[in-house]
Amino acid sequence: MNCAKRRIAIKALAGALLAGSFGVAWAAQVAGTIVNLSGPLMVKKADGSVKVLGLKSEVEQGDTLVSEKNTYARIRFIDNSEITLRPGTTFKIEAFAYETGKPEADSASFSLLQGGLRSLTGLLGKRNKEKFELKTPTATIGIRGTTFVAQYVSPLTMVSPQAPAGALAPGLHVFVVDGAIMLKNSGGSTNFTAGQFGFTPNVQTPAQIVPNNPGLKFTPPPVFSLPPVSTTATGAIKPQAVDCEVR
């Protein structure tokens, strides 16, 4: 083999090895899979590209997911935790890492930029609850092993002509279905337990317990097979009419 052919062969081999290493790194970044979907769901990748996701699509750390007007989307992460997005939600997977034998490497960091979700704790949250955080513009949510609903309403929503009458006030609204959560911002930290509603209007104001449901709703289609939310004395979210069905 002459020198020119040898250089070509070496470059080809190096390219194949490099591509293979990228493939391994790319696969290692997969965080979860879309297991239920009732409408269009977009993803903006870390490289800036935009795609449409479908059932069984994989999501990765760095992805920003955007659910359309009538879209609920349930994501099952590799630790069996689940996050279900409601319509009109923008949600980013900042970081996610889970390996059975490496609890010290656990990481679950998310951002709720707009809209709402329901979070169900998985294996990571049970063994390393302090590694879970859900950031919002007004507070960061930490867990104590739990299921909860959160919805962030932007102040811009209230000046929009499309804002419906009786809409939730701007800020972060939460409801704890099971377990406990903590809301933390520059105003302080507040704990909430099962059956409690909470609210904070901005990052400077500590979250407060709300005695009754302020109008927080989360009503995915029945095919999502989410556990029912029981009624409590504090006014838990009751089943509502189905927004849409997968047909």
Protein backbone atom coordinates (compact mmCIF):
# COMPACT_ATOMS: atom_id res chain seq x y z
CA MET A 1 0.00 0.00 0.00
CA ASN A 2 1.52 3.35 -1.03
CA CYS A 3 1.63 6.38 1.27
CA ALA A 4 -1.37 8.11 -0.27
CA LYS A 5 -3.59 5.04 0.10
CA ARG A 6 -2.32 4.49 3.64
CA ARG A 7 -3.24 8.05 4.64
CA ILE A 8 -6.73 7.61 3.17
CA ALA A 9 -7.21 4.32 5.03
CA ILE A 10 -6.03 5.86 8.32
CA LYS A 11 -8.38 8.83 7.91
CA ALA A 12 -11.29 6.53 7.14
CA LEU A 13 -10.58 4.41 10.22
CA ALA A 14 -10.19 7.48 12.43
CA GLY A 15 -13.46 8.84 11.09
CA ALA A 16 -15.25 5.57 11.82
CA LEU A 17 -13.87 5.44 15.36
CA LEU A 18 -14.79 9.07 15.95
CA ALA A 19 -18.31 8.51 14.65
CA GLY A 20 -18.59 5.45 16.88
CA SER A 21 -17.50 7.41 19.94
CA PHE A 22 -20.03 10.11 19.17
CA GLY A 23 -22.68 7.45 18.82
CA VAL A 24 -21.90 6.08 22.28
CA ALA A 25 -21.93 9.57 23.81
CA TRP A 26 -25.19 10.41 22.06
CA ALA A 27 -26.87 7.23 23.28
CA ALA A 28 -25.66 7.85 26.82
CA GLN A 29 -27.54 11.16 26.87
CA VAL A 30 -30.98 9.59 26.34
CA ALA A 31 -33.15 10.48 29.34
CA GLY A 32 -36.55 8.98 28.55
CA THR A 33 -39.25 8.04 26.05
CA ILE A 34 -42.63 9.47 25.03
CA VAL A 35 -45.18 6.85 26.14
CA ASN A 36 -48.45 8.76 25.65
CA LEU A 37 -49.25 11.62 23.29
CA SER A 38 -52.52 13.34 22.40
CA GLY A 39 -51.35 15.89 19.83
CA PRO A 40 -48.30 17.69 18.34
CA LEU A 41 -45.16 17.82 20.47
CA MET A 42 -42.10 19.73 19.33
CA VAL A 43 -38.53 19.49 20.57
CA LYS A 44 -35.72 21.97 20.23
CA LYS A 45 -32.43 20.09 20.47
CA ALA A 46 -29.29 21.38 22.13
CA ASP A 47 -27.81 22.07 18.67
CA GLY A 48 -30.75 24.33 17.79
CA SER A 49 -32.55 21.93 15.45
CA VAL A 50 -36.33 21.52 15.81
CA LYS A 51 -38.20 18.24 15.37
CA VAL A 52 -41.67 16.79 15.80
CA LEU A 53 -41.85 13.92 18.31
CA GLY A 54 -44.15 10.90 18.25
CA LEU A 55 -44.89 7.91 20.42
CA LYS A 56 -41.71 6.06 21.43
CA SER A 57 -39.54 9.05 20.52
CA GLU A 58 -36.56 9.41 22.82
CA VAL A 59 -35.77 12.62 24.69
CA GLU A 60 -32.33 13.69 25.84
CA GLN A 61 -30.77 16.06 28.28
CA GLY A 62 -30.62 19.50 26.70
CA ASP A 63 -33.98 19.03 24.95
CA THR A 64 -36.66 21.71 25.23
CA LEU A 65 -40.14 20.26 24.70
CA VAL A 66 -43.10 22.36 23.57
CA SER A 67 -46.64 20.93 23.72
CA GLU A 68 -49.27 22.43 21.43
CA LYS A 69 -52.73 23.75 22.34
CA ASN A 70 -54.43 20.36 22.78
CA THR A 71 -51.40 18.23 23.57
CA TYR A 72 -50.76 16.18 26.67
CA ALA A 73 -47.48 14.25 26.58
CA ARG A 74 -46.26 11.67 29.09
CA ILE A 75 -42.53 11.03 29.32
CA ARG A 76 -41.18 7.97 31.12
CA PHE A 77 -37.58 8.46 32.19
CA ILE A 78 -34.98 5.72 32.47
CA ASP A 79 -35.45 5.50 36.26
CA ASN A 80 -39.23 4.92 35.76
CA SER A 81 -40.12 8.42 36.89
CA GLU A 82 -42.75 10.16 34.78
CA ILE A 83 -43.51 13.73 33.81
CA THR A 84 -46.72 14.53 31.96
CA LEU A 85 -46.91 17.88 30.18
CA ARG A 86 -50.20 19.72 29.81
CA PRO A 87 -51.12 21.74 26.69
CA GLY A 88 -49.22 24.98 26.08
CA THR A 89 -46.14 23.93 28.04
CA THR A 90 -42.46 24.67 27.48
CA PHE A 91 -40.25 22.30 29.47
CA LYS A 92 -36.48 21.76 29.36
CA ILE A 93 -34.49 18.71 30.45
CA GLU A 94 -31.43 20.49 31.83
CA ALA A 95 -29.67 17.32 32.99
CA PHE A 96 -30.62 13.72 33.62
CA ALA A 97 -28.41 10.80 34.58
CA TYR A 98 -29.28 7.51 36.23
CA GLU A 99 -27.39 4.22 36.51
CA THR A 100 -28.44 1.39 38.81
CA GLY A 101 -25.02 0.94 40.40
CA LYS A 102 -23.92 4.59 40.49
CA PRO A 103 -26.17 6.59 42.83
CA GLU A 104 -23.42 9.19 43.28
CA ALA A 105 -23.83 10.18 39.61
CA ASP A 106 -27.59 10.75 39.82
CA SER A 107 -28.85 14.00 38.32
CA ALA A 108 -32.36 15.26 37.52
CA SER A 109 -32.65 18.95 36.73
CA PHE A 110 -35.57 20.39 34.78
CA SER A 111 -36.98 23.82 33.92
CA LEU A 112 -40.67 24.63 33.57
CA LEU A 113 -40.58 27.79 31.47
CA GLN A 114 -44.30 27.98 30.76
CA GLY A 115 -47.42 25.88 31.32
CA GLY A 116 -47.83 22.91 33.61
CA LEU A 117 -46.99 19.32 34.37
CA ARG A 118 -47.51 16.38 36.66
CA SER A 119 -44.43 14.69 38.13
CA LEU A 120 -44.26 11.17 39.52
CA THR A 121 -41.09 10.20 41.41
CA GLY A 122 -39.02 7.27 40.15
CA LEU A 123 -36.02 5.34 41.43
CA LEU A 124 -33.68 8.34 41.33
CA GLY A 125 -35.99 10.45 43.46
CA LYS A 126 -36.43 7.65 45.97
CA ARG A 127 -32.73 7.03 46.55
CA ASN A 128 -31.41 10.57 45.93
CA LYS A 129 -34.29 13.01 46.37
CA GLU A 130 -31.87 15.89 46.88
CA LYS A 131 -30.64 15.41 43.29
CA PHE A 132 -34.05 16.34 41.83
CA GLU A 133 -34.95 19.94 41.07
CA LEU A 134 -37.61 21.58 38.93
CA LYS A 135 -36.77 25.21 38.24
CA THR A 136 -39.41 27.79 37.35
CA PRO A 137 -39.19 31.58 36.92
CA THR A 138 -40.47 32.13 40.49
CA ALA A 139 -39.17 29.18 42.56
CA THR A 140 -37.32 25.88 42.48
CA ILE A 141 -39.22 22.74 43.49
CA GLY A 142 -37.50 19.99 45.45
CA ILE A 143 -39.09 16.67 46.32
CA ARG A 144 -39.42 14.37 49.30
CA GLY A 145 -40.60 11.35 47.27
CA THR A 146 -43.85 12.43 45.76
CA THR A 147 -46.39 13.07 43.03
CA PHE A 148 -47.26 16.70 42.37
CA VAL A 149 -48.81 19.07 39.84
CA ALA A 150 -47.18 22.40 38.97
CA GLN A 151 -48.26 25.21 36.68
CA TYR A 152 -46.43 28.44 35.92
CA VAL A 153 -48.47 31.35 34.57
CA SER A 154 -46.47 34.15 32.98
CA PRO A 155 -47.44 37.77 33.80
CA LEU A 156 -47.64 38.31 30.03
CA THR A 157 -50.60 35.92 29.92
CA MET A 158 -52.80 38.36 31.78
CA VAL A 159 -52.26 41.16 29.26
CA SER A 160 -52.98 38.88 26.33
CA PRO A 161 -56.42 39.29 24.70
CA GLN A 162 -56.59 35.48 24.65
CA ALA A 163 -56.43 35.17 28.46
CA PRO A 164 -59.64 33.40 29.56
CA ALA A 165 -61.87 34.75 32.29
CA GLY A 166 -61.12 33.21 35.68
CA ALA A 167 -57.57 32.29 34.64
CA LEU A 168 -54.99 31.49 37.30
CA ALA A 169 -53.07 34.44 38.70
CA PRO A 170 -49.52 34.95 37.36
CA GLY A 171 -46.94 32.95 39.26
CA LEU A 172 -46.28 29.35 40.27
CA HIS A 173 -49.14 27.14 41.44
CA VAL A 174 -48.58 23.67 42.93
CA PHE A 175 -50.66 20.81 44.28
CA VAL A 176 -49.18 17.84 46.15
CA VAL A 177 -50.93 14.59 45.34
CA ASP A 178 -48.69 12.36 47.45
CA GLY A 179 -45.60 12.83 49.60
CA ALA A 180 -44.14 16.32 50.03
CA ILE A 181 -42.35 19.06 48.11
CA MET A 182 -40.38 22.19 48.97
CA LEU A 183 -40.59 25.50 47.12
CA LYS A 184 -37.50 27.67 47.44
CA ASN A 185 -36.75 31.17 46.14
CA SER A 186 -35.02 34.33 47.35
CA GLY A 187 -37.92 34.90 49.76
CA GLY A 188 -37.34 31.61 51.59
CA SER A 189 -38.41 27.96 51.61
CA THR A 190 -41.85 26.47 52.20
CA ASN A 191 -42.83 22.81 52.57
CA PHE A 192 -46.08 21.37 51.22
CA THR A 193 -47.56 17.96 51.98
CA ALA A 194 -50.19 15.73 50.36
CA GLY A 195 -53.48 17.52 49.72
CA GLN A 196 -52.04 21.03 49.94
CA PHE A 197 -52.06 23.77 47.31
CA GLY A 198 -49.33 26.40 47.12
CA PHE A 199 -48.61 29.64 45.28
CA THR A 200 -45.90 32.23 44.83
CA PRO A 201 -46.31 35.22 42.49
CA ASN A 202 -42.64 36.06 42.02
CA VAL A 203 -39.11 35.09 42.96
CA GLN A 204 -38.98 37.51 45.90
CA THR A 205 -42.14 36.23 47.63
CA PRO A 206 -42.04 33.00 49.66
CA ALA A 207 -44.61 30.40 48.65
CA GLN A 208 -47.80 30.30 50.69
CA ILE A 209 -50.31 27.53 51.38
CA VAL A 210 -53.61 28.16 49.55
CA PRO A 211 -56.65 26.81 51.43
CA ASN A 212 -58.63 25.85 48.32
CA ASN A 213 -57.99 24.94 44.71
CA PRO A 214 -57.54 28.28 42.88
CA GLY A 215 -58.60 26.68 39.60
CA LEU A 216 -55.62 24.43 38.94
CA LYS A 217 -56.64 21.71 36.49
CA PHE A 218 -54.85 18.71 35.07
CA THR A 219 -57.04 16.47 32.93
CA PRO A 220 -55.13 14.21 30.53
CA PRO A 221 -57.07 11.69 28.43
CA PRO A 222 -58.01 8.42 30.21
CA VAL A 223 -55.70 6.45 27.92
CA PHE A 224 -52.76 7.98 29.77
CA SER A 225 -53.58 5.62 32.66
CA LEU A 226 -52.49 8.07 35.32
CA PRO A 227 -53.46 7.22 38.90
CA PRO A 228 -56.65 9.05 39.95
CA VAL A 229 -56.35 12.09 42.20
CA SER A 230 -58.44 11.58 45.31
CA THR A 231 -60.59 14.32 46.78
CA THR A 232 -59.38 15.77 50.08
CA ALA A 233 -60.75 18.20 52.61
CA THR A 234 -58.44 20.89 51.23
CA GLY A 235 -60.12 20.78 47.84
CA ALA A 236 -58.06 18.43 45.71
CA ILE A 237 -58.30 18.42 41.96
CA LYS A 238 -61.31 16.39 40.88
CA PRO A 239 -61.64 14.61 37.54
CA GLN A 240 -62.68 17.02 34.80
CA ALA A 241 -64.00 16.54 31.29
CA VAL A 242 -61.44 15.04 28.92
CA ASP A 243 -59.65 17.66 26.83
CA CYS A 244 -59.00 15.27 23.94
CA GLU A 245 -58.62 11.61 23.13
CA VAL A 246 -56.16 9.64 21.09
CA ARG A 247 -58.02 7.98 18.23
